[in-house]
Every structure is written in C-alpha cells, then in structure tokens.
Amino acid sequence: MARALIGWVLVRHSAAGTTSGRIVETEAYPVGDPASHAFRGETARNRVMFGQPFHAYVYRIYGRYWCFNVTSEPRGVGAGVLVRALEPLEGIDLMRKRRGVEPVRLLCSGPARLAQALDIDRSLDGRDLLADPEIELLPPRQATGPIGSSRRIGLTAAAHRLLRFYERGSPYVSGPRRLSR
C-alpha cells in the first residue's frame, strides 16, 4: 500500500478551512516489522493499526509532534503506512499560518510538518479515511511520476529495508537528497 498511496490526495476539512496535499512520500511498516508500533502486539496506543484498512492512525513522537498513518491490513493484523510528505494543493495560506513558514516546499515535507500544516492531531485517530467528513483520502487526480525507494528515515530497527517510497523529482519530498534520487 505504501507505494500505491503515492499520488493520492489527503484532504483535511476544519472550521478554519480546507487544506489538502498530494502524497509524494510514504514509509511502510508491514506485518512483522520490528520498527512498527504493531510489532509487539495490540495496545491501547496502537489499537487502530489492528482495525480495518484505510483508517487514520495518529500518534505523537518526541512528546511533541503528531504523525499520520494509514492502516493497511484486514482487522486483527497490525500494519500501516506513514505519510511522510505532501505536495500542498489547497489552503496554502492556512498551512503557512499554521506552520509559520513561507516556502511552499517546506509546508508538508516531513511527517510532523504535514500534520501541523493540515491540523492533524489525536482527535482524528481511528477515522475512516474513505468516509469521514473531516479527513479523507481521495484517489489520484493526475498521473504519478516514477516512484523511487530507499531505506526509511530516522530508524535503527530494520533500517536497511527499502520501505520508503517517493515520487522521483518531487521538490516536496523530505529527508536527505541522497535518499531521493
């Protein structure tokens, strides 16, 4: 699913307005992956990962930032896809206000940045991304360019695995440029 989500559009509707972006970078956390939150089994924190596919799994990192994931397996099987970067499409001025930065390229180029730009927090955890009125995933609106893969970013467990996917040539991709050629 991580590769297949490249090009999909993530839309967030809030009282402040609508923001959206085209997914240009993801990381897979498949079944049995020691870097996955689901690796040691179901807990209160990761329960959503063991639910139906296409639901939001939102969690905090470093005690400060939110990350947005899409569940990917049938009920009872814990796995998901971290959405790492978006190409901003809609609500760019609102994203700038939320992020406090001007360059469009920096608004959603990283998991914490995109969560802040789209106002994604724990209140969206567990939402059905194909039916929820506040947050939704839409199929691609345009053809996706070539997709590259690399090792995941910021991990030590299973860091060698090529489970990060990105649209080659996109200026919105996060991480070191050497990983996105």
N, C-alpha and C. Protein backbone atom coordinates (compact mmCIF):
# COMPACT_ATOMS: atom_id res chain seq x y z
N MET A 1 0.81 -1.19 0.00
CA MET A 1 0.00 0.00 0.00
C MET A 1 0.86 1.26 0.00
N ALA A 2 2.04 1.21 0.61
CA ALA A 2 2.88 2.42 0.70
C ALA A 2 3.22 2.97 -0.69
N ARG A 3 3.56 2.10 -1.60
CA ARG A 3 3.85 2.53 -2.98
C ARG A 3 2.57 3.03 -3.66
N ALA A 4 1.47 2.32 -3.46
CA ALA A 4 0.21 2.66 -4.11
C ALA A 4 -0.37 3.99 -3.65
N LEU A 5 -0.05 4.44 -2.43
CA LEU A 5 -0.58 5.72 -1.93
C LEU A 5 0.07 6.95 -2.56
N ILE A 6 1.22 6.77 -3.21
CA ILE A 6 1.85 7.92 -3.88
C ILE A 6 0.89 8.44 -4.94
N GLY A 7 0.59 9.73 -4.86
CA GLY A 7 -0.34 10.35 -5.79
C GLY A 7 -1.74 10.56 -5.23
N TRP A 8 -2.11 9.81 -4.19
CA TRP A 8 -3.41 10.01 -3.56
C TRP A 8 -3.43 11.39 -2.90
N VAL A 9 -4.61 11.91 -2.64
CA VAL A 9 -4.76 13.25 -2.07
C VAL A 9 -5.35 13.13 -0.67
N LEU A 10 -4.67 13.74 0.30
CA LEU A 10 -5.14 13.81 1.67
C LEU A 10 -5.81 15.16 1.86
N VAL A 11 -7.07 15.14 2.31
CA VAL A 11 -7.85 16.36 2.47
C VAL A 11 -8.28 16.48 3.93
N ARG A 12 -8.09 17.67 4.49
CA ARG A 12 -8.49 17.94 5.88
C ARG A 12 -9.46 19.12 5.89
N HIS A 13 -10.68 18.86 6.33
CA HIS A 13 -11.70 19.91 6.47
C HIS A 13 -11.78 20.30 7.94
N SER A 14 -11.66 21.58 8.24
CA SER A 14 -11.77 22.06 9.62
C SER A 14 -12.54 23.37 9.63
N ALA A 15 -12.83 23.85 10.82
CA ALA A 15 -13.55 25.12 10.94
C ALA A 15 -12.75 26.27 10.33
N ALA A 16 -11.42 26.15 10.34
CA ALA A 16 -10.56 27.21 9.79
C ALA A 16 -10.52 27.18 8.26
N GLY A 17 -10.87 26.04 7.65
CA GLY A 17 -10.85 25.92 6.19
C GLY A 17 -10.37 24.55 5.75
N THR A 18 -10.33 24.36 4.46
CA THR A 18 -9.89 23.09 3.89
C THR A 18 -8.45 23.19 3.42
N THR A 19 -7.68 22.17 3.76
CA THR A 19 -6.29 22.05 3.31
C THR A 19 -6.14 20.67 2.68
N SER A 20 -5.27 20.58 1.69
CA SER A 20 -5.06 19.28 1.06
C SER A 20 -3.67 19.21 0.44
N GLY A 21 -3.25 17.98 0.19
CA GLY A 21 -1.97 17.77 -0.45
C GLY A 21 -1.91 16.41 -1.10
N ARG A 22 -1.11 16.33 -2.13
CA ARG A 22 -0.89 15.10 -2.88
C ARG A 22 0.26 14.34 -2.22
N ILE A 23 0.05 13.07 -1.90
CA ILE A 23 1.07 12.27 -1.23
C ILE A 23 2.24 12.03 -2.18
N VAL A 24 3.45 12.42 -1.74
CA VAL A 24 4.65 12.24 -2.56
C VAL A 24 5.70 11.36 -1.87
N GLU A 25 5.45 10.99 -0.61
CA GLU A 25 6.41 10.17 0.12
C GLU A 25 5.72 9.40 1.24
N THR A 26 6.06 8.12 1.36
CA THR A 26 5.49 7.25 2.39
C THR A 26 6.57 6.32 2.93
N GLU A 27 6.27 5.67 4.05
CA GLU A 27 7.10 4.59 4.59
C GLU A 27 6.19 3.45 5.02
N ALA A 28 6.55 2.24 4.64
CA ALA A 28 5.76 1.07 5.01
C ALA A 28 6.23 0.51 6.35
N TYR A 29 5.27 0.06 7.14
CA TYR A 29 5.51 -0.63 8.39
C TYR A 29 4.69 -1.92 8.35
N PRO A 30 5.20 -2.92 7.59
CA PRO A 30 4.44 -4.14 7.35
C PRO A 30 4.40 -5.09 8.55
N VAL A 31 3.60 -6.12 8.41
CA VAL A 31 3.47 -7.16 9.44
C VAL A 31 4.85 -7.75 9.73
N GLY A 32 5.16 -7.90 11.01
CA GLY A 32 6.43 -8.50 11.42
C GLY A 32 7.61 -7.55 11.42
N ASP A 33 7.41 -6.29 11.12
CA ASP A 33 8.49 -5.31 11.07
C ASP A 33 8.84 -4.85 12.48
N PRO A 34 10.09 -5.05 12.93
CA PRO A 34 10.45 -4.65 14.29
C PRO A 34 10.41 -3.14 14.53
N ALA A 35 10.33 -2.34 13.47
CA ALA A 35 10.22 -0.89 13.62
C ALA A 35 8.77 -0.43 13.74
N SER A 36 7.84 -1.33 13.54
CA SER A 36 6.41 -0.99 13.57
C SER A 36 5.88 -0.92 15.00
N HIS A 37 4.95 -0.01 15.23
CA HIS A 37 4.28 0.07 16.54
C HIS A 37 3.48 -1.19 16.83
N ALA A 38 3.15 -1.96 15.80
CA ALA A 38 2.34 -3.17 15.97
C ALA A 38 3.19 -4.42 16.26
N PHE A 39 4.48 -4.30 16.21
CA PHE A 39 5.37 -5.46 16.30
C PHE A 39 5.15 -6.30 17.56
N ARG A 40 4.94 -5.66 18.69
CA ARG A 40 4.79 -6.39 19.96
C ARG A 40 3.33 -6.70 20.30
N GLY A 41 2.44 -6.42 19.38
CA GLY A 41 1.03 -6.72 19.61
C GLY A 41 0.19 -5.49 19.87
N GLU A 42 -1.08 -5.73 20.02
CA GLU A 42 -2.05 -4.65 20.19
C GLU A 42 -1.99 -4.05 21.59
N THR A 43 -2.03 -2.72 21.63
CA THR A 43 -2.07 -1.96 22.89
C THR A 43 -3.12 -0.86 22.73
N ALA A 44 -3.38 -0.13 23.79
CA ALA A 44 -4.32 0.99 23.70
C ALA A 44 -3.82 2.02 22.69
N ARG A 45 -2.50 2.24 22.66
CA ARG A 45 -1.93 3.25 21.76
C ARG A 45 -2.07 2.87 20.29
N ASN A 46 -1.84 1.60 19.95
CA ASN A 46 -1.80 1.20 18.54
C ASN A 46 -3.04 0.43 18.08
N ARG A 47 -4.07 0.39 18.88
CA ARG A 47 -5.27 -0.40 18.58
C ARG A 47 -5.80 -0.17 17.16
N VAL A 48 -5.75 1.06 16.69
CA VAL A 48 -6.26 1.39 15.36
C VAL A 48 -5.52 0.61 14.28
N MET A 49 -4.23 0.35 14.48
CA MET A 49 -3.44 -0.38 13.48
C MET A 49 -3.98 -1.80 13.25
N PHE A 50 -4.72 -2.33 14.21
CA PHE A 50 -5.26 -3.68 14.12
C PHE A 50 -6.72 -3.67 13.64
N GLY A 51 -7.19 -2.52 13.22
CA GLY A 51 -8.56 -2.40 12.72
C GLY A 51 -8.61 -2.56 11.21
N GLN A 52 -9.63 -2.00 10.62
CA GLN A 52 -9.83 -2.08 9.16
C GLN A 52 -8.81 -1.22 8.42
N PRO A 53 -8.52 -1.55 7.16
CA PRO A 53 -7.63 -0.70 6.36
C PRO A 53 -8.28 0.65 6.05
N PHE A 54 -7.46 1.59 5.67
CA PHE A 54 -7.85 2.96 5.30
C PHE A 54 -8.46 3.73 6.47
N HIS A 55 -7.87 3.54 7.64
CA HIS A 55 -8.23 4.36 8.80
C HIS A 55 -6.99 5.14 9.24
N ALA A 56 -7.22 6.27 9.88
CA ALA A 56 -6.12 7.11 10.35
C ALA A 56 -5.55 6.55 11.64
N TYR A 57 -4.24 6.38 11.67
CA TYR A 57 -3.53 6.06 12.90
C TYR A 57 -2.64 7.25 13.18
N VAL A 58 -2.96 7.99 14.25
CA VAL A 58 -2.26 9.23 14.58
C VAL A 58 -1.60 9.05 15.94
N TYR A 59 -0.32 9.35 16.00
CA TYR A 59 0.41 9.22 17.26
C TYR A 59 1.42 10.35 17.39
N ARG A 60 1.89 10.55 18.61
CA ARG A 60 2.84 11.62 18.91
C ARG A 60 4.26 11.05 18.96
N ILE A 61 5.22 11.82 18.40
CA ILE A 61 6.63 11.46 18.50
C ILE A 61 7.36 12.55 19.26
N TYR A 62 8.40 12.16 19.94
CA TYR A 62 9.22 13.08 20.74
C TYR A 62 8.38 13.88 21.73
N GLY A 63 7.20 13.37 22.07
CA GLY A 63 6.32 14.04 23.02
C GLY A 63 5.78 15.37 22.53
N ARG A 64 5.94 15.64 21.24
CA ARG A 64 5.62 16.97 20.75
C ARG A 64 4.90 17.02 19.40
N TYR A 65 5.27 16.12 18.49
CA TYR A 65 4.77 16.19 17.12
C TYR A 65 3.84 15.03 16.80
N TRP A 66 2.83 15.30 15.95
CA TRP A 66 1.91 14.27 15.51
C TRP A 66 2.39 13.67 14.19
N CYS A 67 2.11 12.40 14.00
CA CYS A 67 2.39 11.71 12.74
C CYS A 67 1.10 11.04 12.27
N PHE A 68 0.91 11.04 10.96
CA PHE A 68 -0.30 10.49 10.34
C PHE A 68 0.03 9.24 9.54
N ASN A 69 -0.70 8.17 9.80
CA ASN A 69 -0.52 6.90 9.12
C ASN A 69 -1.85 6.41 8.58
N VAL A 70 -1.77 5.52 7.60
CA VAL A 70 -2.94 4.87 7.04
C VAL A 70 -2.83 3.38 7.37
N THR A 71 -3.86 2.82 8.00
CA THR A 71 -3.83 1.38 8.29
C THR A 71 -3.94 0.62 6.97
N SER A 72 -3.31 -0.57 6.93
CA SER A 72 -3.19 -1.22 5.63
C SER A 72 -3.64 -2.68 5.54
N GLU A 73 -3.99 -3.29 6.64
CA GLU A 73 -4.30 -4.72 6.61
C GLU A 73 -5.71 -5.00 7.16
N PRO A 74 -6.21 -6.21 6.95
CA PRO A 74 -7.53 -6.57 7.49
C PRO A 74 -7.55 -6.53 9.02
N ARG A 75 -8.75 -6.45 9.56
CA ARG A 75 -8.94 -6.41 11.01
C ARG A 75 -8.15 -7.54 11.68
N GLY A 76 -7.45 -7.18 12.76
CA GLY A 76 -6.68 -8.15 13.52
C GLY A 76 -5.22 -8.26 13.12
N VAL A 77 -4.84 -7.62 12.01
CA VAL A 77 -3.46 -7.66 11.53
C VAL A 77 -2.90 -6.24 11.60
N GLY A 78 -1.90 -6.03 12.43
CA GLY A 78 -1.35 -4.69 12.66
C GLY A 78 -0.28 -4.29 11.65
N ALA A 79 -0.57 -3.27 10.85
CA ALA A 79 0.40 -2.73 9.90
C ALA A 79 -0.12 -1.39 9.41
N GLY A 80 0.78 -0.59 8.86
CA GLY A 80 0.36 0.72 8.37
C GLY A 80 1.40 1.38 7.51
N VAL A 81 1.02 2.55 7.03
CA VAL A 81 1.87 3.36 6.15
C VAL A 81 1.96 4.77 6.73
N LEU A 82 3.18 5.20 7.03
CA LEU A 82 3.41 6.57 7.47
C LEU A 82 3.42 7.46 6.24
N VAL A 83 2.63 8.52 6.26
CA VAL A 83 2.66 9.51 5.19
C VAL A 83 3.72 10.52 5.59
N ARG A 84 4.81 10.58 4.81
CA ARG A 84 5.96 11.41 5.15
C ARG A 84 5.92 12.80 4.53
N ALA A 85 5.33 12.96 3.35
CA ALA A 85 5.35 14.27 2.70
C ALA A 85 4.21 14.42 1.71
N LEU A 86 3.75 15.66 1.58
CA LEU A 86 2.69 16.03 0.65
C LEU A 86 3.16 17.17 -0.23
N GLU A 87 2.62 17.23 -1.43
CA GLU A 87 2.72 18.41 -2.29
C GLU A 87 1.48 19.24 -1.98
N PRO A 88 1.61 20.40 -1.34
CA PRO A 88 0.43 21.19 -0.98
C PRO A 88 -0.41 21.56 -2.21
N LEU A 89 -1.72 21.42 -2.07
CA LEU A 89 -2.62 21.73 -3.17
C LEU A 89 -3.61 22.84 -2.83
N GLU A 90 -4.21 22.74 -1.66
CA GLU A 90 -5.32 23.61 -1.30
C GLU A 90 -5.09 24.16 0.11
N GLY A 91 -5.48 25.42 0.33
CA GLY A 91 -5.35 26.01 1.65
C GLY A 91 -3.92 26.36 2.02
N ILE A 92 -3.14 26.76 1.04
CA ILE A 92 -1.71 27.03 1.27
C ILE A 92 -1.50 28.17 2.26
N ASP A 93 -2.31 29.22 2.18
CA ASP A 93 -2.16 30.33 3.15
C ASP A 93 -2.45 29.86 4.58
N LEU A 94 -3.43 28.99 4.74
CA LEU A 94 -3.76 28.45 6.06
C LEU A 94 -2.61 27.56 6.56
N MET A 95 -2.03 26.77 5.65
CA MET A 95 -0.87 25.95 6.03
C MET A 95 0.28 26.84 6.48
N ARG A 96 0.53 27.92 5.76
CA ARG A 96 1.61 28.85 6.13
C ARG A 96 1.38 29.42 7.52
N LYS A 97 0.15 29.78 7.81
CA LYS A 97 -0.19 30.33 9.12
C LYS A 97 0.06 29.30 10.22
N ARG A 98 -0.37 28.08 9.99
CA ARG A 98 -0.19 27.02 10.99
C ARG A 98 1.28 26.66 11.20
N ARG A 99 2.05 26.68 10.13
CA ARG A 99 3.45 26.28 10.19
C ARG A 99 4.39 27.43 10.51
N GLY A 100 4.01 28.65 10.17
CA GLY A 100 4.88 29.79 10.41
C GLY A 100 6.06 29.85 9.46
N VAL A 101 5.90 29.27 8.27
CA VAL A 101 6.95 29.32 7.24
C VAL A 101 6.33 29.75 5.92
N GLU A 102 7.13 30.33 5.07
CA GLU A 102 6.65 30.84 3.80
C GLU A 102 6.82 29.88 2.62
N PRO A 103 8.00 29.29 2.41
CA PRO A 103 8.19 28.47 1.20
C PRO A 103 7.22 27.28 1.15
N VAL A 104 6.50 27.15 0.06
CA VAL A 104 5.55 26.05 -0.11
C VAL A 104 6.25 24.71 0.03
N ARG A 105 7.46 24.62 -0.44
CA ARG A 105 8.24 23.37 -0.39
C ARG A 105 8.41 22.86 1.04
N LEU A 106 8.41 23.74 2.03
CA LEU A 106 8.65 23.35 3.42
C LEU A 106 7.37 23.12 4.23
N LEU A 107 6.23 23.36 3.65
CA LEU A 107 4.99 23.24 4.41
C LEU A 107 4.67 21.82 4.86
N CYS A 108 4.88 20.85 3.99
CA CYS A 108 4.48 19.46 4.28
C CYS A 108 5.58 18.46 3.98
N SER A 109 6.84 18.89 4.04
CA SER A 109 7.96 18.00 3.71
C SER A 109 8.51 17.33 4.96
N GLY A 110 7.73 16.45 5.51
CA GLY A 110 8.09 15.69 6.70
C GLY A 110 6.81 15.34 7.44
N PRO A 111 6.80 14.23 8.17
CA PRO A 111 5.57 13.78 8.81
C PRO A 111 5.01 14.76 9.84
N ALA A 112 5.85 15.36 10.66
CA ALA A 112 5.36 16.31 11.65
C ALA A 112 4.91 17.62 10.98
N ARG A 113 5.63 18.04 9.97
CA ARG A 113 5.26 19.26 9.25
C ARG A 113 3.89 19.13 8.59
N LEU A 114 3.64 18.01 7.93
CA LEU A 114 2.35 17.86 7.25
C LEU A 114 1.22 17.77 8.26
N ALA A 115 1.45 17.12 9.39
CA ALA A 115 0.42 17.05 10.43
C ALA A 115 0.09 18.44 10.96
N GLN A 116 1.11 19.26 11.16
CA GLN A 116 0.88 20.62 11.63
C GLN A 116 0.17 21.45 10.56
N ALA A 117 0.59 21.35 9.32
CA ALA A 117 0.02 22.13 8.23
C ALA A 117 -1.46 21.80 8.01
N LEU A 118 -1.82 20.52 8.20
CA LEU A 118 -3.20 20.10 7.99
C LEU A 118 -4.01 20.02 9.28
N ASP A 119 -3.40 20.41 10.40
CA ASP A 119 -4.07 20.38 11.70
C ASP A 119 -4.55 18.96 12.04
N ILE A 120 -3.62 18.02 11.92
CA ILE A 120 -3.90 16.62 12.25
C ILE A 120 -3.40 16.36 13.66
N ASP A 121 -4.29 15.84 14.50
CA ASP A 121 -3.91 15.50 15.87
C ASP A 121 -4.63 14.22 16.30
N ARG A 122 -4.49 13.86 17.55
CA ARG A 122 -5.03 12.60 18.06
C ARG A 122 -6.55 12.49 17.91
N SER A 123 -7.25 13.63 17.82
CA SER A 123 -8.71 13.58 17.67
C SER A 123 -9.13 12.90 16.37
N LEU A 124 -8.21 12.76 15.42
CA LEU A 124 -8.52 12.13 14.14
C LEU A 124 -8.13 10.64 14.12
N ASP A 125 -7.52 10.17 15.19
CA ASP A 125 -7.11 8.77 15.27
C ASP A 125 -8.32 7.85 15.12
N GLY A 126 -8.21 6.87 14.24
CA GLY A 126 -9.28 5.90 14.04
C GLY A 126 -10.31 6.29 13.00
N ARG A 127 -10.22 7.47 12.45
CA ARG A 127 -11.22 7.91 11.47
C ARG A 127 -11.13 7.11 10.18
N ASP A 128 -12.28 6.86 9.58
CA ASP A 128 -12.38 6.16 8.30
C ASP A 128 -12.04 7.14 7.19
N LEU A 129 -10.89 6.95 6.55
CA LEU A 129 -10.39 7.91 5.57
C LEU A 129 -11.15 7.88 4.24
N LEU A 130 -12.04 6.93 4.08
CA LEU A 130 -12.83 6.87 2.86
C LEU A 130 -14.25 7.41 3.07
N ALA A 131 -14.59 7.78 4.32
CA ALA A 131 -15.95 8.22 4.60
C ALA A 131 -16.08 9.36 5.61
N ASP A 132 -15.01 9.76 6.26
CA ASP A 132 -15.10 10.77 7.32
C ASP A 132 -15.27 12.17 6.74
N PRO A 133 -16.10 13.02 7.34
CA PRO A 133 -16.28 14.38 6.82
C PRO A 133 -15.12 15.34 7.14
N GLU A 134 -14.24 14.98 8.08
CA GLU A 134 -13.16 15.89 8.46
C GLU A 134 -11.81 15.57 7.83
N ILE A 135 -11.58 14.31 7.51
CA ILE A 135 -10.30 13.92 6.91
C ILE A 135 -10.57 12.78 5.94
N GLU A 136 -10.03 12.91 4.72
CA GLU A 136 -10.31 11.90 3.72
C GLU A 136 -9.14 11.70 2.76
N LEU A 137 -9.09 10.50 2.21
CA LEU A 137 -8.13 10.16 1.17
C LEU A 137 -8.88 10.02 -0.13
N LEU A 138 -8.39 10.70 -1.17
CA LEU A 138 -9.02 10.64 -2.48
C LEU A 138 -8.05 10.03 -3.48
N PRO A 139 -8.57 9.26 -4.44
CA PRO A 139 -7.70 8.67 -5.46
C PRO A 139 -6.94 9.75 -6.23
N PRO A 140 -5.84 9.36 -6.87
CA PRO A 140 -5.03 10.33 -7.61
C PRO A 140 -5.84 11.13 -8.63
N ARG A 141 -5.52 12.41 -8.74
CA ARG A 141 -6.16 13.30 -9.71
C ARG A 141 -5.34 13.42 -10.98
N GLN A 142 -4.08 13.02 -10.91
CA GLN A 142 -3.17 13.13 -12.05
C GLN A 142 -2.23 11.93 -12.04
N ALA A 143 -1.57 11.74 -13.15
CA ALA A 143 -0.61 10.63 -13.25
C ALA A 143 0.54 10.87 -12.28
N THR A 144 1.02 9.80 -11.70
CA THR A 144 2.15 9.87 -10.78
C THR A 144 3.43 9.65 -11.57
N GLY A 145 4.48 10.40 -11.23
CA GLY A 145 5.77 10.22 -11.88
C GLY A 145 6.43 8.94 -11.40
N PRO A 146 7.65 8.69 -11.85
CA PRO A 146 8.38 7.49 -11.42
C PRO A 146 8.52 7.45 -9.90
N ILE A 147 8.41 6.27 -9.34
CA ILE A 147 8.50 6.10 -7.89
C ILE A 147 9.81 5.44 -7.53
N GLY A 148 10.52 6.05 -6.58
CA GLY A 148 11.77 5.50 -6.09
C GLY A 148 11.56 4.87 -4.74
N SER A 149 12.57 4.15 -4.28
CA SER A 149 12.53 3.57 -2.94
C SER A 149 13.89 3.73 -2.28
N SER A 150 13.88 3.73 -0.96
CA SER A 150 15.12 3.84 -0.19
C SER A 150 14.87 3.24 1.19
N ARG A 151 15.91 3.28 2.01
CA ARG A 151 15.73 2.89 3.40
C ARG A 151 14.87 3.95 4.09
N ARG A 152 14.25 3.57 5.19
CA ARG A 152 13.42 4.52 5.93
C ARG A 152 14.31 5.50 6.68
N ILE A 153 13.72 6.60 7.09
CA ILE A 153 14.47 7.69 7.71
C ILE A 153 14.27 7.67 9.22
N GLY A 154 15.38 7.86 9.96
CA GLY A 154 15.31 8.02 11.41
C GLY A 154 15.09 6.75 12.20
N LEU A 155 15.37 5.60 11.62
CA LEU A 155 15.17 4.33 12.32
C LEU A 155 16.49 3.64 12.60
N THR A 156 16.47 2.80 13.61
CA THR A 156 17.61 1.90 13.85
C THR A 156 17.19 0.46 13.61
N ALA A 157 15.97 0.08 14.01
CA ALA A 157 15.47 -1.28 13.79
C ALA A 157 15.11 -1.46 12.32
N ALA A 158 15.65 -2.48 11.70
CA ALA A 158 15.36 -2.81 10.29
C ALA A 158 15.57 -1.62 9.37
N ALA A 159 16.56 -0.81 9.68
CA ALA A 159 16.82 0.42 8.91
C ALA A 159 17.26 0.15 7.48
N HIS A 160 17.80 -1.00 7.22
CA HIS A 160 18.31 -1.34 5.89
C HIS A 160 17.21 -1.63 4.87
N ARG A 161 16.00 -1.90 5.32
CA ARG A 161 14.91 -2.31 4.43
C ARG A 161 14.47 -1.15 3.54
N LEU A 162 14.25 -1.41 2.28
CA LEU A 162 13.84 -0.39 1.31
C LEU A 162 12.32 -0.24 1.34
N LEU A 163 11.83 0.41 2.39
CA LEU A 163 10.40 0.54 2.62
C LEU A 163 9.92 1.99 2.59
N ARG A 164 10.74 2.87 2.11
CA ARG A 164 10.37 4.28 1.92
C ARG A 164 10.16 4.47 0.42
N PHE A 165 9.02 5.07 0.06
CA PHE A 165 8.69 5.29 -1.34
C PHE A 165 8.44 6.77 -1.57
N TYR A 166 8.84 7.26 -2.73
CA TYR A 166 8.71 8.68 -3.02
C TYR A 166 8.60 8.91 -4.52
N GLU A 167 7.98 10.01 -4.87
CA GLU A 167 7.90 10.39 -6.28
C GLU A 167 9.22 11.04 -6.66
N ARG A 168 9.92 10.42 -7.59
CA ARG A 168 11.22 10.94 -8.02
C ARG A 168 11.05 12.35 -8.60
N GLY A 169 11.98 13.22 -8.24
CA GLY A 169 11.98 14.59 -8.76
C GLY A 169 11.07 15.55 -8.04
N SER A 170 10.28 15.09 -7.09
CA SER A 170 9.38 16.00 -6.37
C SER A 170 10.18 16.88 -5.42
N PRO A 171 9.99 18.19 -5.48
CA PRO A 171 10.68 19.07 -4.54
C PRO A 171 10.10 19.03 -3.13
N TYR A 172 8.99 18.31 -2.95
CA TYR A 172 8.29 18.27 -1.67
C TYR A 172 8.70 17.10 -0.80
N VAL A 173 9.51 16.19 -1.32
CA VAL A 173 9.96 15.03 -0.58
C VAL A 173 10.87 15.46 0.57
N SER A 174 10.78 14.76 1.69
CA SER A 174 11.58 15.11 2.88
C SER A 174 12.89 14.32 2.90
N GLY A 175 13.67 14.58 3.92
CA GLY A 175 14.90 13.80 4.14
C GLY A 175 16.05 14.22 3.26
N PRO A 176 17.18 13.56 3.46
CA PRO A 176 18.39 13.88 2.69
C PRO A 176 18.19 13.63 1.19
N ARG A 177 18.65 14.54 0.39
CA ARG A 177 18.51 14.42 -1.08
C ARG A 177 19.15 13.14 -1.61
N ARG A 178 20.22 12.66 -0.97
CA ARG A 178 20.89 11.45 -1.44
C ARG A 178 19.98 10.23 -1.37
N LEU A 179 18.93 10.29 -0.54
CA LEU A 179 17.99 9.18 -0.44
C LEU A 179 16.84 9.30 -1.42
N SER A 180 16.77 10.39 -2.16
CA SER A 180 15.62 10.64 -3.03
C SER A 180 16.00 10.81 -4.50
N ARG A 181 17.06 10.19 -4.92
CA ARG A 181 17.47 10.32 -6.33
C ARG A 181 16.78 9.30 -7.19
